[in-house]
């Protein structure tokens, strides 16, 4: 069994800069405004209003009222998409107030032993650096074996795309559409080196990721991204390669997963709709039509019913 590292959760630092502006405010945990510019549209997952100083974004919040759950032990085996064991991978069993850290051994196995009650617990795997971060909600049961989970290697930093001062940023199948006069805020407590602040994405194999991506939600496409916890004000538009050849004009819904225990932008471990989208006339892409991505987190799409 792992020797758990238990710690109380606290807010991190962030790096915020305005798109299209020559100056920035490098250390702030709350300022997501920009000098000048116009406000963007609100979204299902967060509001955005134009004020005298530019867009002002307020997280809607998704506070949980679930009762505490006793979690004594969580076991899992982490493999990469080829089935090879992933050693030395950070994993966490987190409630809304406490996290217990662990790591996989040479065989990709881990056993995290909180031995306490947790609020809305989830098993998070992936470090957000070399491997994408996903969260698997935990049900009731003092000892839980999650079986085999697929850890997703992220593209290298060299393959990532730097966030521009204005315009769009693309990696893999995803393009974030950044509003002029908006701002981007990075979590610099987690990503302390500027070289880590590049956009990277990897497809989620949905059939092999049922613990993190509930099949009952009907998602048809999924992507994990980095740097996680980056926020956009106003929410960023999204364009996704139409890799499943959905028909032109098809209506699509876009969701993000809550990886943050503060539950500002999504319920922890759960999914919330943040945007509507439509397949382009030439059927090459799926593009947001309202709402947007308020925070970089796992992203999932499904056609509207």
Protein backbone atom coordinates (compact mmCIF):
# COMPACT_ATOMS: atom_id res chain seq x y z
CA UNK A 1 0.00 0.00 0.00
CA UNK A 2 1.06 3.55 -0.62
CA UNK A 3 2.12 5.83 2.21
CA UNK A 4 -0.48 8.56 1.76
CA UNK A 5 0.37 12.23 1.62
CA UNK A 6 -2.65 14.05 2.95
CA UNK A 7 -3.13 17.77 2.62
CA UNK A 8 -5.84 20.36 2.96
CA UNK A 9 -6.80 22.08 -0.25
CA UNK A 10 -5.92 25.71 -0.84
CA UNK A 11 -6.15 28.25 -3.65
CA UNK A 12 -3.22 28.62 -6.03
CA UNK A 13 -1.61 31.54 -7.77
CA UNK A 14 -2.54 32.45 -11.31
CA UNK A 15 -1.04 34.31 -14.22
CA UNK A 16 -3.45 36.57 -16.06
CA UNK A 17 -2.92 38.54 -19.25
CA UNK A 18 -5.21 40.49 -21.51
CA UNK A 19 -5.49 39.52 -25.16
CA UNK A 20 -4.45 42.27 -27.50
CA UNK A 21 -3.02 44.41 -24.67
CA UNK A 22 0.61 45.39 -24.22
CA UNK A 23 0.61 45.24 -20.42
CA UNK A 24 -0.31 42.45 -18.05
CA UNK A 25 -0.86 41.77 -14.37
CA UNK A 26 1.37 38.76 -13.76
CA UNK A 27 0.34 37.67 -10.26
CA UNK A 28 -3.33 37.62 -9.37
CA UNK A 29 -5.85 35.04 -8.27
CA UNK A 30 -8.97 37.02 -9.08
CA UNK A 31 -8.37 39.59 -11.84
CA UNK A 32 -9.63 38.34 -15.20
CA UNK A 33 -10.45 41.71 -16.71
CA UNK A 34 -8.75 43.35 -19.65
CA UNK A 35 -8.17 46.92 -20.65
CA UNK A 36 -10.65 47.88 -23.34
CA UNK A 37 -12.43 45.46 -25.64
CA UNK A 38 -16.01 44.29 -25.74
CA UNK A 39 -17.77 41.66 -23.68
CA UNK A 40 -18.40 38.18 -24.96
CA UNK A 41 -21.53 36.10 -24.73
CA UNK A 42 -22.41 34.21 -21.59
CA UNK A 43 -22.40 30.40 -21.49
CA UNK A 44 -24.21 27.54 -19.84
CA UNK A 45 -21.22 27.18 -17.55
CA UNK A 46 -20.40 30.78 -16.76
CA UNK A 47 -21.50 34.37 -17.32
CA UNK A 48 -19.66 37.18 -19.03
CA UNK A 49 -20.71 40.81 -19.00
CA UNK A 50 -19.15 43.82 -20.65
CA UNK A 51 -18.23 46.55 -18.20
CA UNK A 52 -16.26 49.77 -18.44
CA UNK A 53 -13.02 47.80 -17.97
CA UNK A 54 -13.84 45.03 -20.41
CA UNK A 55 -15.40 41.60 -19.85
CA UNK A 56 -16.19 40.65 -16.25
CA UNK A 57 -16.61 36.92 -15.70
CA UNK A 58 -18.19 35.30 -12.68
CA UNK A 59 -18.03 31.58 -12.01
CA UNK A 60 -21.53 30.18 -11.46
CA UNK A 61 -20.47 27.72 -8.75
CA UNK A 62 -21.75 24.19 -8.27
CA UNK A 63 -21.70 23.60 -4.49
CA UNK A 64 -22.27 19.98 -3.48
CA UNK A 65 -24.62 18.91 -0.72
CA UNK A 66 -23.80 15.21 -0.92
CA UNK A 67 -23.25 13.47 2.44
CA UNK A 68 -19.71 12.40 3.45
CA UNK A 69 -18.54 9.01 2.14
CA UNK A 70 -16.17 6.73 4.02
CA UNK A 71 -13.24 5.84 1.76
CA UNK A 72 -10.63 3.52 3.26
CA UNK A 73 -8.84 2.26 0.17
CA UNK A 74 -8.91 2.82 -3.60
CA UNK A 75 -7.02 0.45 -5.91
CA UNK A 76 -6.34 0.82 -9.63
CA UNK A 77 -3.94 -0.20 -12.40
CA UNK A 78 -2.82 2.48 -14.87
CA UNK A 79 -1.83 1.58 -18.42
CA UNK A 80 -1.18 3.65 -21.53
CA UNK A 81 -3.35 3.30 -24.66
CA UNK A 82 -1.18 0.39 -25.86
CA UNK A 83 -1.77 -1.51 -22.61
CA UNK A 84 1.70 -0.92 -21.18
CA UNK A 85 1.94 -0.24 -17.44
CA UNK A 86 2.53 3.39 -16.46
CA UNK A 87 4.89 3.64 -13.46
CA UNK A 88 5.44 6.62 -11.16
CA UNK A 89 2.20 8.32 -12.19
CA UNK A 90 0.62 10.74 -9.75
CA UNK A 91 -2.85 9.75 -8.57
CA UNK A 92 -5.10 11.38 -5.99
CA UNK A 93 -8.16 10.50 -4.00
CA UNK A 94 -9.78 13.86 -3.33
CA UNK A 95 -12.88 15.07 -1.59
CA UNK A 96 -13.90 18.69 -1.62
CA UNK A 97 -11.77 19.41 1.45
CA UNK A 98 -8.93 16.86 1.55
CA UNK A 99 -6.67 15.14 -1.00
CA UNK A 100 -4.61 11.99 -0.48
CA UNK A 101 -1.77 11.53 -2.96
CA UNK A 102 -0.37 8.30 -4.30
CA UNK A 103 1.66 6.99 -7.22
CA UNK A 104 1.76 3.90 -9.38
CA UNK A 105 4.48 1.27 -8.93
CA UNK A 106 6.54 -0.35 -11.69
CA UNK A 107 3.55 -2.52 -12.63
CA UNK A 108 1.25 0.50 -12.90
CA UNK A 109 -0.61 -0.46 -9.73
CA UNK A 110 -1.59 1.89 -6.94
CA UNK A 111 -3.40 1.61 -3.63
CA UNK A 112 -4.37 4.87 -1.94
CA UNK A 113 -5.62 4.58 1.64
CA UNK A 114 -7.41 7.71 2.89
CA UNK A 115 -9.13 5.98 5.80
CA UNK A 116 -11.56 8.88 6.29
CA UNK A 117 -14.85 10.38 5.17
CA UNK A 118 -14.67 12.57 2.07
CA UNK A 119 -17.16 14.92 0.44
CA UNK A 120 -17.95 14.01 -3.20
CA UNK A 121 -14.80 11.87 -3.57
CA UNK A 122 -13.13 11.17 -6.90
CA UNK A 123 -9.99 9.37 -8.07
CA UNK A 124 -7.86 11.69 -10.20
CA UNK A 125 -5.17 10.22 -12.40
CA UNK A 126 -2.61 11.95 -14.59
CA UNK A 127 -0.33 14.79 -13.59
CA UNK A 128 -1.40 17.37 -16.18
CA UNK A 129 2.19 17.53 -17.46
CA UNK A 130 3.19 14.29 -19.20
CA UNK A 131 -0.20 12.64 -18.80
CA UNK A 132 -3.63 14.22 -19.13
CA UNK A 133 -5.69 14.65 -15.98
CA UNK A 134 -9.06 12.89 -15.60
CA UNK A 135 -11.35 12.29 -12.63
CA UNK A 136 -13.31 9.13 -11.84
CA UNK A 137 -16.09 9.79 -9.30
CA UNK A 138 -16.16 7.31 -6.41
CA UNK A 139 -19.37 5.74 -5.19
CA UNK A 140 -20.10 4.32 -1.78
CA UNK A 141 -17.86 1.55 -0.52
CA UNK A 142 -15.01 1.66 1.95
CA UNK A 143 -12.69 -0.36 -0.33
CA UNK A 144 -12.98 0.22 -4.06
CA UNK A 145 -11.11 -1.45 -6.92
CA UNK A 146 -11.37 0.61 -10.10
CA UNK A 147 -9.64 -2.00 -12.20
CA UNK A 148 -7.63 -0.89 -15.23
CA UNK A 149 -7.64 2.78 -16.21
CA UNK A 150 -6.07 4.22 -19.37
CA UNK A 151 -3.66 7.10 -18.76
CA UNK A 152 -3.35 9.42 -21.76
CA UNK A 153 0.11 10.73 -22.75
CA UNK A 154 -0.04 14.39 -23.75
CA UNK A 155 1.88 15.74 -26.75
CA UNK A 156 5.32 17.07 -25.90
CA UNK A 157 5.70 20.72 -24.95
CA UNK A 158 7.45 21.27 -28.28
CA UNK A 159 4.29 20.05 -30.05
CA UNK A 160 2.07 22.37 -28.01
CA UNK A 161 0.89 25.81 -29.10
CA UNK A 162 1.69 29.01 -27.22
CA UNK A 163 -1.26 31.13 -26.19
CA UNK A 164 -1.22 34.25 -28.35
CA UNK A 165 -1.81 37.80 -27.26
CA UNK A 166 -4.70 37.76 -29.71
CA UNK A 167 -6.28 35.28 -32.09
CA UNK A 168 -6.74 31.53 -31.85
CA UNK A 169 -4.68 28.62 -30.51
CA UNK A 170 -4.78 25.09 -31.92
CA UNK A 171 -3.47 21.65 -31.04
CA UNK A 172 -4.56 18.28 -32.36
CA UNK A 173 -8.26 18.32 -33.24
CA UNK A 174 -9.03 21.40 -31.12
CA UNK A 175 -8.90 25.15 -31.73
CA UNK A 176 -9.70 27.66 -28.99
CA UNK A 177 -11.18 30.89 -30.33
CA UNK A 178 -10.01 33.71 -28.06
CA UNK A 179 -12.04 36.90 -28.00
CA UNK A 180 -10.26 40.22 -28.66
CA UNK A 181 -10.01 42.20 -25.44
CA UNK A 182 -10.47 39.08 -23.33
CA UNK A 183 -8.00 37.51 -20.92
CA UNK A 184 -6.32 34.20 -20.20
CA UNK A 185 -5.45 33.21 -16.62
CA UNK A 186 -3.02 30.35 -15.95
CA UNK A 187 -2.48 28.41 -12.73
CA UNK A 188 1.18 29.28 -12.14
CA UNK A 189 1.33 27.48 -8.81
CA UNK A 190 0.96 24.23 -10.77
CA UNK A 191 2.64 25.33 -14.02
CA UNK A 192 5.56 27.34 -12.68
CA UNK A 193 7.67 27.35 -15.86
CA UNK A 194 6.61 29.39 -18.89
CA UNK A 195 7.52 26.46 -21.15
CA UNK A 196 4.62 24.51 -19.63
CA UNK A 197 2.06 27.14 -20.60
CA UNK A 198 1.30 25.76 -24.06
CA UNK A 199 -1.98 24.34 -25.30
CA UNK A 200 -1.96 20.55 -25.74
CA UNK A 201 -4.78 18.10 -26.36
CA UNK A 202 -5.29 14.36 -26.71
CA UNK A 203 -8.42 12.37 -27.69
CA UNK A 204 -10.08 10.40 -24.88
CA UNK A 205 -10.85 6.76 -25.81
CA UNK A 206 -14.39 6.84 -24.46
CA UNK A 207 -15.00 3.09 -24.40
CA UNK A 208 -11.87 2.60 -22.28
CA UNK A 209 -12.57 5.60 -20.03
CA UNK A 210 -16.00 4.77 -18.62
CA UNK A 211 -14.92 5.47 -15.03
CA UNK A 212 -14.18 9.11 -15.87
CA UNK A 213 -16.66 9.60 -18.73
CA UNK A 214 -20.02 8.13 -17.72
CA UNK A 215 -21.40 6.23 -20.75
CA UNK A 216 -24.96 7.15 -19.75
CA UNK A 217 -24.21 10.77 -20.74
CA UNK A 218 -24.01 9.73 -24.38
CA UNK A 219 -20.78 11.53 -25.26
CA UNK A 220 -19.41 10.70 -28.69
CA UNK A 221 -16.15 12.67 -28.67
CA UNK A 222 -13.83 13.47 -25.78
CA UNK A 223 -10.57 15.33 -25.30
CA UNK A 224 -8.18 15.87 -22.40
CA UNK A 225 -6.14 19.07 -22.40
CA UNK A 226 -3.37 21.04 -20.71
CA UNK A 227 -2.58 23.31 -18.99
CA UNK A 228 -5.60 22.45 -16.84
CA UNK A 229 -7.31 25.16 -14.80
CA UNK A 230 -6.51 27.90 -17.34
CA UNK A 231 -9.55 30.19 -17.46
CA UNK A 232 -10.84 32.45 -20.23
CA UNK A 233 -12.82 35.66 -19.90
CA UNK A 234 -15.02 35.72 -21.87
CA UNK A 235 -15.25 31.94 -22.38
CA UNK A 236 -13.29 30.78 -25.41
CA UNK A 237 -15.05 29.57 -28.51
CA UNK A 238 -14.19 26.06 -29.64
CA UNK A 239 -13.70 24.47 -33.04
CA UNK A 240 -13.29 20.68 -33.21
CA UNK A 241 -12.30 18.54 -36.19
CA UNK A 242 -15.37 16.59 -37.36
CA UNK A 243 -13.54 13.28 -37.06
CA UNK A 244 -16.75 11.21 -36.89
CA UNK A 245 -18.17 12.73 -40.10
CA UNK A 246 -21.33 14.11 -38.52
CA UNK A 247 -23.70 15.63 -41.06
CA UNK A 248 -23.42 19.33 -41.87
CA UNK A 249 -25.71 21.42 -39.69
CA UNK A 250 -25.95 18.83 -36.91
CA UNK A 251 -26.59 20.43 -33.51
CA UNK A 252 -23.98 19.57 -30.86
CA UNK A 253 -23.62 20.09 -27.11
CA UNK A 254 -20.23 20.72 -25.43
CA UNK A 255 -19.42 19.79 -21.82
CA UNK A 256 -16.44 20.18 -19.48
CA UNK A 257 -15.50 18.00 -16.51
CA UNK A 258 -14.96 19.41 -13.04
CA UNK A 259 -11.35 18.74 -12.04
CA UNK A 260 -11.27 21.48 -9.40
CA UNK A 261 -12.54 20.90 -5.87
CA UNK A 262 -13.68 24.52 -5.55
CA UNK A 263 -16.45 23.60 -8.05
CA UNK A 264 -16.50 27.11 -9.51
CA UNK A 265 -16.98 26.07 -13.13
CA UNK A 266 -18.24 22.48 -12.90
CA UNK A 267 -19.26 19.97 -10.22
CA UNK A 268 -16.21 18.06 -8.98
CA UNK A 269 -15.80 14.85 -11.00
CA UNK A 270 -19.01 15.61 -12.93
CA UNK A 271 -19.80 17.19 -16.28
CA UNK A 272 -21.62 20.42 -17.11
CA UNK A 273 -22.78 21.80 -20.43
CA UNK A 274 -20.96 25.02 -21.36
CA UNK A 275 -21.79 25.58 -25.03
CA UNK A 276 -23.89 24.73 -28.05
CA UNK A 277 -22.27 24.07 -31.40
CA UNK A 278 -23.05 23.11 -34.98
CA UNK A 279 -21.28 21.15 -37.70
CA UNK A 280 -20.01 23.52 -40.37
CA UNK A 281 -21.57 23.72 -43.83
CA UNK A 282 -18.65 21.80 -45.36
CA UNK A 283 -18.81 19.24 -42.50
CA UNK A 284 -15.15 19.79 -41.68
CA UNK A 285 -15.54 21.15 -38.15
CA UNK A 286 -17.82 21.48 -35.14
CA UNK A 287 -17.99 25.12 -34.04
CA UNK A 288 -19.55 26.79 -31.02
CA UNK A 289 -22.64 28.87 -31.70
CA UNK A 290 -23.30 30.03 -28.13
CA UNK A 291 -21.47 29.79 -24.83
CA UNK A 292 -17.86 28.67 -24.74
CA UNK A 293 -15.05 27.09 -22.73
CA UNK A 294 -14.63 28.96 -19.40
CA UNK A 295 -11.86 26.70 -18.07
CA UNK A 296 -9.40 24.23 -19.59
CA UNK A 297 -10.54 20.84 -18.42
CA UNK A 298 -11.58 17.59 -20.03
CA UNK A 299 -14.01 18.29 -22.90
CA UNK A 300 -16.78 16.07 -24.28
CA UNK A 301 -19.24 16.45 -27.15
CA UNK A 302 -22.50 14.81 -28.15
CA UNK A 303 -25.08 15.47 -30.82
CA UNK A 304 -28.24 17.10 -29.55
CA UNK A 305 -31.23 14.80 -29.30
